[in-house]
């Protein structure tokens, strides 16, 4: 059994990038992962948590390490100009047709985990224990980890002793970054439906205009964090969607806002969510809305908290796979549901960042602060222009997963 071939893995990555799939629709991606795991000698089960894939490789007595990658893409039309750019289209859960792209780098996560699984299977004499390799659906909904856990993941395949994973980011390719404690923010996604009373655009005095109400609400919502969260605390609130109306001269009956809240502590989360509810209802009352608004929590998952001792142990292994120093990026305001796996098992989580940006863009940078400043000028995750460079991102990501797994699985 041979180890992973870099050229072959690069082809896998380009293929996955060309064929992105939305959350809980990752059937083709799951098939690619499952086929590669079977060829490497894993026991493979598909359809776990709807579209998830689990591979198990038992290699004698010892602990169990869970290695995880997420598979889903985003409803984004790609604008990278790459030769292997996605032209895929799909229908969202809200019934809207959209372009689909791996604008968050999950195709890189899948490819790295395939490569690491192959490497570890080919070198069984160097470790002992069990590898639990998880390809997770629907991270972008914050629902995929729970779906797999609810499908009796651990009862069926065993409980891990550690959860390991990585997320590609616009840091220099070849750089690895990990922080102890809160590493990724918790996330709450809300939808607020605002009710007005529609009519002709020429006679707004006969209406309660929900578009104006929505605009006022958006402005007021964005005062919550700077005015109700202390400077020593952290929260992010962003309104990502505002939908209203069908024609320029028709004032509609309703408008809808979609927003996201990020936080690291329960106290800050509760304060911000309460302020959102109060603000939406207050603006509706001030506008004379004929009905109370509805505020619905659509998705929610907690912060990813890296175990400090486990980070210290794993950092040493990561440092051995790259000539660059392993840096501490501090907490990231993006969100992830990988922590669900660790919390459900009651075991440490170690989740790190994998640099994926062209190193030439960081020429002259010598500190983390300078790197952070330079990333502000680069396309970020979720941008239609975001895509990591294939190398050295891919080889570093494979090596990092292999090294971390070996750190937690004793030498054979």
Protein backbone atom coordinates (compact mmCIF):
# COMPACT_ATOMS: atom_id res chain seq x y z
CA UNK A 1 0.00 0.00 0.00
CA UNK A 2 1.57 3.30 -1.11
CA UNK A 3 1.43 6.64 0.63
CA UNK A 4 -0.33 9.68 -0.81
CA UNK A 5 0.97 10.97 -4.14
CA UNK A 6 1.13 14.81 -4.16
CA UNK A 7 0.26 15.09 -7.86
CA UNK A 8 -2.70 12.76 -7.43
CA UNK A 9 -3.92 14.69 -4.40
CA UNK A 10 -3.65 17.96 -6.33
CA UNK A 11 -5.88 16.42 -9.00
CA UNK A 12 -8.36 15.36 -6.29
CA UNK A 13 -8.39 18.91 -4.96
CA UNK A 14 -9.01 20.47 -8.37
CA UNK A 15 -11.81 17.97 -9.03
CA UNK A 16 -13.51 18.74 -5.70
CA UNK A 17 -13.11 22.46 -6.32
CA UNK A 18 -14.84 22.15 -9.70
CA UNK A 19 -17.73 20.18 -8.20
CA UNK A 20 -18.85 21.90 -4.97
CA UNK A 21 -22.04 20.82 -3.20
CA UNK A 22 -24.20 22.65 -0.68
CA UNK A 23 -24.84 21.51 2.90
CA UNK A 24 -26.43 18.05 3.22
CA UNK A 25 -26.10 17.59 -0.55
CA UNK A 26 -22.43 16.49 -0.53
CA UNK A 27 -23.10 13.12 -2.15
CA UNK A 28 -20.42 13.29 -4.85
CA UNK A 29 -17.82 14.63 -2.42
CA UNK A 30 -18.72 11.90 0.08
CA UNK A 31 -18.34 9.29 -2.65
CA UNK A 32 -14.84 10.53 -3.48
CA UNK A 33 -13.80 10.41 0.18
CA UNK A 34 -15.37 6.99 0.76
CA UNK A 35 -13.69 5.50 -2.30
CA UNK A 36 -10.28 6.76 -1.27
CA UNK A 37 -10.68 5.43 2.28
CA UNK A 38 -11.73 1.98 1.04
CA UNK A 39 -8.74 1.83 -1.27
CA UNK A 40 -6.49 2.62 1.71
CA UNK A 41 -7.93 -0.24 3.79
CA UNK A 42 -10.41 1.55 6.06
CA UNK A 43 -13.77 0.20 7.19
CA UNK A 44 -16.07 2.77 5.58
CA UNK A 45 -19.66 3.74 6.32
CA UNK A 46 -21.51 6.30 4.24
CA UNK A 47 -24.72 8.18 5.00
CA UNK A 48 -23.83 8.95 8.62
CA UNK A 49 -25.75 12.09 9.60
CA UNK A 50 -27.34 12.10 6.14
CA UNK A 51 -24.26 12.57 3.92
CA UNK A 52 -21.32 12.07 6.28
CA UNK A 53 -18.58 9.46 5.84
CA UNK A 54 -16.77 7.60 8.60
CA UNK A 55 -13.61 5.56 8.10
CA UNK A 56 -12.16 3.35 10.83
CA UNK A 57 -8.67 1.88 10.80
CA UNK A 58 -7.87 -0.35 13.76
CA UNK A 59 -4.18 -0.93 14.34
CA UNK A 60 -3.82 -2.79 17.61
CA UNK A 61 -4.31 -1.65 21.17
CA UNK A 62 -4.17 2.03 21.94
CA UNK A 63 -6.13 5.27 21.99
CA UNK A 64 -8.51 6.54 19.31
CA UNK A 65 -7.85 9.77 17.42
CA UNK A 66 -10.66 11.46 15.49
CA UNK A 67 -9.52 13.40 12.42
CA UNK A 68 -12.23 15.56 10.88
CA UNK A 69 -12.83 17.49 7.66
CA UNK A 70 -15.97 19.33 6.57
CA UNK A 71 -17.27 18.89 3.02
CA UNK A 72 -19.90 21.50 2.16
CA UNK A 73 -19.58 24.52 -0.13
CA UNK A 74 -21.30 27.90 -0.12
CA UNK A 75 -24.06 29.53 -2.19
CA UNK A 76 -21.51 31.84 -3.83
CA UNK A 77 -20.69 32.40 -7.50
CA UNK A 78 -16.93 31.93 -7.89
CA UNK A 79 -14.87 34.83 -9.26
CA UNK A 80 -11.33 33.49 -8.84
CA UNK A 81 -10.59 33.11 -12.56
CA UNK A 82 -8.92 29.77 -11.88
CA UNK A 83 -8.79 27.21 -14.68
CA UNK A 84 -10.58 24.79 -12.33
CA UNK A 85 -13.12 27.31 -11.01
CA UNK A 86 -16.62 26.11 -10.22
CA UNK A 87 -19.49 26.83 -12.59
CA UNK A 88 -21.95 24.79 -10.51
CA UNK A 89 -25.48 25.99 -9.78
CA UNK A 90 -27.91 24.73 -7.15
CA UNK A 91 -31.05 25.65 -5.25
CA UNK A 92 -30.70 26.79 -1.66
CA UNK A 93 -32.89 25.65 1.22
CA UNK A 94 -34.83 28.91 0.74
CA UNK A 95 -35.63 27.91 -2.84
CA UNK A 96 -33.28 30.37 -4.55
CA UNK A 97 -31.06 29.37 -7.45
CA UNK A 98 -27.43 30.28 -6.86
CA UNK A 99 -23.88 29.66 -7.91
CA UNK A 100 -21.98 27.23 -5.70
CA UNK A 101 -18.30 27.49 -4.77
CA UNK A 102 -15.80 26.19 -2.24
CA UNK A 103 -15.30 29.75 -1.03
CA UNK A 104 -14.40 28.55 2.48
CA UNK A 105 -11.76 25.97 1.53
CA UNK A 106 -13.57 22.80 2.61
CA UNK A 107 -12.33 21.11 -0.58
CA UNK A 108 -8.80 21.61 0.76
CA UNK A 109 -9.85 20.15 4.12
CA UNK A 110 -11.25 17.03 2.43
CA UNK A 111 -8.18 16.56 0.25
CA UNK A 112 -5.77 16.97 3.16
CA UNK A 113 -7.67 14.40 5.21
CA UNK A 114 -7.71 11.95 2.30
CA UNK A 115 -3.95 12.35 1.99
CA UNK A 116 -3.36 11.99 5.72
CA UNK A 117 -5.56 8.88 5.88
CA UNK A 118 -3.54 7.33 3.07
CA UNK A 119 -0.22 8.24 4.69
CA UNK A 120 -1.21 6.80 8.06
CA UNK A 121 -2.59 3.62 6.53
CA UNK A 122 0.64 3.09 4.63
CA UNK A 123 2.75 3.52 7.78
CA UNK A 124 0.91 1.37 10.33
CA UNK A 125 4.21 0.21 11.81
CA UNK A 126 4.77 3.76 13.14
CA UNK A 127 1.64 4.03 15.34
CA UNK A 128 -0.84 1.95 17.30
CA UNK A 129 -4.49 2.46 18.18
CA UNK A 130 -7.50 3.45 16.10
CA UNK A 131 -8.02 6.16 13.53
CA UNK A 132 -11.56 7.52 13.31
CA UNK A 133 -11.65 9.57 10.11
CA UNK A 134 -14.75 11.77 9.78
CA UNK A 135 -15.90 13.64 6.68
CA UNK A 136 -18.65 15.88 8.01
CA UNK A 137 -21.52 17.50 6.11
CA UNK A 138 -23.21 20.87 6.65
CA UNK A 139 -20.64 22.78 8.67
CA UNK A 140 -21.91 25.98 7.10
CA UNK A 141 -25.31 25.35 8.73
CA UNK A 142 -23.66 24.45 12.05
CA UNK A 143 -25.72 21.27 11.82
CA UNK A 144 -23.45 18.57 10.43
CA UNK A 145 -21.59 17.58 13.59
CA UNK A 146 -24.83 17.26 15.52
CA UNK A 147 -26.36 15.24 12.68
CA UNK A 148 -23.53 12.71 12.86
CA UNK A 149 -23.62 12.57 16.65
CA UNK A 150 -27.40 12.12 16.59
CA UNK A 151 -26.82 9.22 14.19
CA UNK A 152 -25.01 7.41 17.04
CA UNK A 153 -21.52 8.19 15.74
CA UNK A 154 -19.72 7.07 18.89
CA UNK A 155 -21.99 4.13 19.71
CA UNK A 156 -21.39 2.76 16.22
CA UNK A 157 -17.72 3.55 15.69
CA UNK A 158 -16.16 4.14 19.12
CA UNK A 159 -15.44 7.20 21.24
CA UNK A 160 -12.23 9.12 20.53
CA UNK A 161 -9.61 10.24 23.02
CA UNK A 162 -8.90 13.45 21.10
CA UNK A 163 -10.48 15.46 18.25
CA UNK A 164 -8.07 16.92 15.69
CA UNK A 165 -8.67 19.16 12.69
CA UNK A 166 -7.69 22.25 10.76
CA UNK A 167 -9.15 25.14 8.78
CA UNK A 168 -7.47 26.83 5.82
CA UNK A 169 -7.13 30.60 6.17
CA UNK A 170 -5.60 33.57 4.28
CA UNK A 171 -2.31 33.20 6.11
CA UNK A 172 0.98 32.39 4.31
CA UNK A 173 0.86 28.89 2.83
CA UNK A 174 3.08 26.62 4.90
CA UNK A 175 2.26 28.45 8.14
CA UNK A 176 0.40 26.69 10.95
CA UNK A 177 -1.32 28.62 13.74
CA UNK A 178 -3.01 27.37 16.91
CA UNK A 179 -4.25 29.02 20.09
CA UNK A 180 -5.27 27.51 23.44
CA UNK A 181 -8.67 28.26 24.93
CA UNK A 182 -11.47 29.84 22.86
CA UNK A 183 -10.20 29.48 19.29
CA UNK A 184 -13.31 30.05 17.15
CA UNK A 185 -16.35 32.07 18.16
CA UNK A 186 -19.77 30.67 18.88
CA UNK A 187 -22.33 31.47 16.21
CA UNK A 188 -26.02 32.33 16.19
CA UNK A 189 -27.96 32.89 12.98
CA UNK A 190 -31.28 34.72 13.21
CA UNK A 191 -34.07 35.76 10.90
CA UNK A 192 -36.30 38.73 11.71
CA UNK A 193 -39.57 39.19 9.82
CA UNK A 194 -40.89 42.75 9.98
CA UNK A 195 -44.55 43.44 9.21
CA UNK A 196 -45.86 46.61 7.62
CA UNK A 197 -48.88 47.63 5.61
CA UNK A 198 -48.23 47.89 1.90
CA UNK A 199 -49.55 50.20 -0.75
CA UNK A 200 -48.68 52.42 -3.71
CA UNK A 201 -45.22 53.95 -3.75
CA UNK A 202 -46.77 57.33 -4.55
CA UNK A 203 -48.79 57.35 -1.32
CA UNK A 204 -46.46 56.23 1.49
CA UNK A 205 -48.64 58.09 4.03
CA UNK A 206 -51.27 55.35 3.62
CA UNK A 207 -48.78 52.60 4.50
CA UNK A 208 -46.47 51.38 7.21
CA UNK A 209 -43.35 50.96 5.12
CA UNK A 210 -41.45 47.78 6.13
CA UNK A 211 -38.50 48.73 3.92
CA UNK A 212 -37.95 51.90 5.92
CA UNK A 213 -38.51 49.91 9.10
CA UNK A 214 -35.92 47.35 7.96
CA UNK A 215 -33.39 50.05 7.12
CA UNK A 216 -33.82 51.71 10.50
CA UNK A 217 -33.54 48.33 12.22
CA UNK A 218 -30.30 47.49 10.41
CA UNK A 219 -28.72 50.75 11.52
CA UNK A 220 -29.87 50.28 15.10
CA UNK A 221 -28.72 46.63 15.24
CA UNK A 222 -25.21 47.70 14.33
CA UNK A 223 -25.04 49.91 17.43
CA UNK A 224 -25.47 46.93 19.79
CA UNK A 225 -21.87 45.72 19.85
CA UNK A 226 -20.10 49.12 20.18
CA UNK A 227 -22.62 50.40 22.73
CA UNK A 228 -23.56 47.31 24.76
CA UNK A 229 -20.46 45.09 24.70
CA UNK A 230 -17.44 46.23 26.70
CA UNK A 231 -14.17 46.90 24.89
CA UNK A 232 -12.59 44.09 26.93
CA UNK A 233 -15.17 41.62 25.57
CA UNK A 234 -15.69 40.41 22.02
CA UNK A 235 -18.76 40.11 19.82
CA UNK A 236 -19.59 40.56 16.15
CA UNK A 237 -23.02 41.31 14.69
CA UNK A 238 -23.56 41.47 10.94
CA UNK A 239 -26.75 41.75 8.90
CA UNK A 240 -26.16 39.64 5.80
CA UNK A 241 -29.54 39.72 4.05
CA UNK A 242 -32.38 42.20 3.61
CA UNK A 243 -35.26 41.03 1.46
CA UNK A 244 -38.32 43.10 0.66
CA UNK A 245 -40.61 44.00 -2.23
CA UNK A 246 -41.12 42.98 -5.84
CA UNK A 247 -41.47 46.29 -7.70
CA UNK A 248 -40.09 49.80 -7.36
CA UNK A 249 -43.47 51.54 -7.00
CA UNK A 250 -45.04 49.03 -4.61
CA UNK A 251 -44.51 49.31 -0.87
CA UNK A 252 -44.62 45.69 0.37
CA UNK A 253 -46.32 44.23 3.42
CA UNK A 254 -43.18 42.77 4.98
CA UNK A 255 -39.40 42.71 5.02
CA UNK A 256 -36.94 40.11 6.25
CA UNK A 257 -33.51 40.47 7.82
CA UNK A 258 -30.92 37.74 8.22
CA UNK A 259 -28.12 38.28 10.71
CA UNK A 260 -25.27 36.52 12.42
CA UNK A 261 -23.90 37.01 15.95
CA UNK A 262 -20.48 35.77 17.05
CA UNK A 263 -19.31 35.58 20.68
CA UNK A 264 -16.98 33.68 22.98
CA UNK A 265 -18.89 33.62 26.29
CA UNK A 266 -22.44 32.77 27.32
CA UNK A 267 -22.85 36.11 29.10
CA UNK A 268 -21.98 38.17 26.02
CA UNK A 269 -24.08 35.93 23.77
CA UNK A 270 -27.14 36.28 25.99
CA UNK A 271 -26.71 40.05 26.21
CA UNK A 272 -26.41 40.51 22.43
CA UNK A 273 -29.30 38.19 21.57
CA UNK A 274 -31.55 39.96 24.08
CA UNK A 275 -30.54 43.30 22.56
CA UNK A 276 -31.37 42.04 19.07
CA UNK A 277 -34.85 41.01 20.17
CA UNK A 278 -35.40 44.31 22.00
CA UNK A 279 -34.16 46.38 19.07
CA UNK A 280 -36.26 44.64 16.44
CA UNK A 281 -39.40 44.93 18.54
CA UNK A 282 -38.65 48.52 19.52
CA UNK A 283 -38.17 49.71 15.95
CA UNK A 284 -41.38 47.95 14.90
CA UNK A 285 -43.30 49.67 17.67
CA UNK A 286 -41.77 53.04 16.78
CA UNK A 287 -42.87 52.58 13.17
CA UNK A 288 -46.44 51.72 14.11
CA UNK A 289 -46.21 48.20 12.71
CA UNK A 290 -49.61 46.48 12.60
CA UNK A 291 -48.13 43.23 13.93
CA UNK A 292 -45.27 42.29 16.18
CA UNK A 293 -42.16 41.09 14.35
CA UNK A 294 -40.96 37.49 14.56
CA UNK A 295 -37.36 36.80 15.51
CA UNK A 296 -36.30 33.20 14.91
CA UNK A 297 -33.04 31.51 15.88
CA UNK A 298 -32.14 29.36 12.86
CA UNK A 299 -28.74 27.97 13.76
CA UNK A 300 -26.56 28.00 16.85
CA UNK A 301 -23.31 26.40 17.87
CA UNK A 302 -20.87 27.12 20.69
CA UNK A 303 -17.28 28.37 20.55
CA UNK A 304 -14.50 25.96 19.68
CA UNK A 305 -12.39 25.72 22.82
CA UNK A 306 -8.94 24.21 22.41
CA UNK A 307 -7.64 22.29 25.40
CA UNK A 308 -4.52 24.12 26.58
CA UNK A 309 -2.51 21.02 27.53
CA UNK A 310 -3.48 19.26 24.31
CA UNK A 311 -2.46 22.32 22.27
CA UNK A 312 0.93 22.35 23.97
CA UNK A 313 1.43 18.68 23.17
CA UNK A 314 0.25 18.96 19.56
CA UNK A 315 2.13 22.19 18.80
CA UNK A 316 5.43 20.31 19.11
CA UNK A 317 4.29 17.80 16.50
CA UNK A 318 3.08 20.54 14.16
CA UNK A 319 6.35 22.44 14.48
CA UNK A 320 8.19 19.47 13.01
CA UNK A 321 6.38 19.60 9.66
CA UNK A 322 7.11 23.19 8.59
CA UNK A 323 10.22 25.38 8.57
CA UNK A 324 8.05 28.30 9.70
CA UNK A 325 7.28 28.87 13.39
CA UNK A 326 3.88 27.69 14.66
CA UNK A 327 2.24 30.95 15.72
CA UNK A 328 -0.58 31.86 18.07
CA UNK A 329 -3.24 33.73 16.06
CA UNK A 330 -5.45 34.48 19.04
CA UNK A 331 -9.19 33.81 18.91
CA UNK A 332 -10.83 33.81 15.47
CA UNK A 333 -14.26 35.40 15.10
CA UNK A 334 -15.27 32.85 12.48
CA UNK A 335 -17.25 29.86 13.75
CA UNK A 336 -17.00 26.09 13.50
CA UNK A 337 -18.99 23.13 14.79
CA UNK A 338 -16.02 20.75 15.15
CA UNK A 339 -16.06 21.38 18.90
CA UNK A 340 -19.32 19.43 19.14
CA UNK A 341 -17.38 16.21 18.58
CA UNK A 342 -15.04 16.91 21.50
CA UNK A 343 -17.77 18.10 23.87
CA UNK A 344 -19.92 15.03 23.14
CA UNK A 345 -17.00 12.71 23.87
CA UNK A 346 -15.68 14.72 26.83
CA UNK A 347 -12.18 14.81 25.30
CA UNK A 348 -9.66 17.50 24.26
CA UNK A 349 -10.05 19.39 20.99
CA UNK A 350 -7.10 20.76 19.00
CA UNK A 351 -8.15 22.77 15.96
CA UNK A 352 -5.55 24.84 14.11
CA UNK A 353 -5.30 27.19 11.14
CA UNK A 354 -3.59 26.11 7.92
CA UNK A 355 -2.11 28.93 5.86
CA UNK A 356 -3.31 28.92 2.26
CA UNK A 357 -2.33 32.28 0.74
CA UNK A 358 0.51 32.88 -1.69
CA UNK A 359 3.61 33.40 0.50
CA UNK A 360 4.78 36.15 -1.87
CA UNK A 361 1.93 38.33 -0.57
CA UNK A 362 3.64 38.36 2.85
CA UNK A 363 7.15 39.25 1.79
CA UNK A 364 8.83 41.29 4.49
CA UNK A 365 6.43 40.30 7.27
CA UNK A 366 8.25 39.25 10.45
CA UNK A 367 5.51 39.34 13.11
CA UNK A 368 2.02 37.95 13.58
CA UNK A 369 0.71 41.52 13.66
CA UNK A 370 2.25 42.28 10.27
CA UNK A 371 0.82 39.07 8.82
CA UNK A 372 -2.60 39.93 10.21
CA UNK A 373 -2.45 43.39 8.65
CA UNK A 374 -1.43 41.96 5.27
CA UNK A 375 -4.35 39.49 5.26
CA UNK A 376 -6.76 42.45 5.32
CA UNK A 377 -5.89 43.15 1.68
CA UNK A 378 -6.44 39.53 0.55
CA UNK A 379 -9.70 37.74 -0.31
CA UNK A 380 -10.97 36.07 2.85
CA UNK A 381 -12.95 32.89 3.39
CA UNK A 382 -16.50 33.25 2.00
CA UNK A 383 -15.35 35.75 -0.64
CA UNK A 384 -16.17 34.78 -4.26
CA UNK A 385 -12.49 35.46 -4.97
CA UNK A 386 -11.13 33.18 -2.23
CA UNK A 387 -9.16 30.04 -3.05
CA UNK A 388 -5.96 28.74 -1.44
CA UNK A 389 -2.85 28.07 -3.49
CA UNK A 390 -2.51 24.30 -3.91
CA UNK A 391 1.11 24.13 -2.76
CA UNK A 392 2.52 24.26 -0.20
CA UNK A 393 -0.96 24.35 1.38
CA UNK A 394 -1.84 20.77 0.52
CA UNK A 395 1.44 19.13 1.50
CA UNK A 396 1.56 21.11 4.77
CA UNK A 397 -2.05 20.23 5.62
CA UNK A 398 -1.46 16.52 5.03
CA UNK A 399 1.75 16.55 7.07
CA UNK A 400 0.09 18.46 9.92
CA UNK A 401 -2.75 15.95 10.25
CA UNK A 402 -0.34 13.01 10.09
CA UNK A 403 1.98 14.51 12.70
CA UNK A 404 -0.87 15.40 15.05
CA UNK A 405 -2.37 11.91 14.78
CA UNK A 406 0.97 10.27 15.47
CA UNK A 407 1.47 12.46 18.52
CA UNK A 408 -1.73 11.02 20.02
CA UNK A 409 -1.24 7.44 18.83
CA UNK A 410 1.77 5.69 20.41
CA UNK A 411 4.57 4.37 18.27
CA UNK A 412 3.92 0.86 17.02
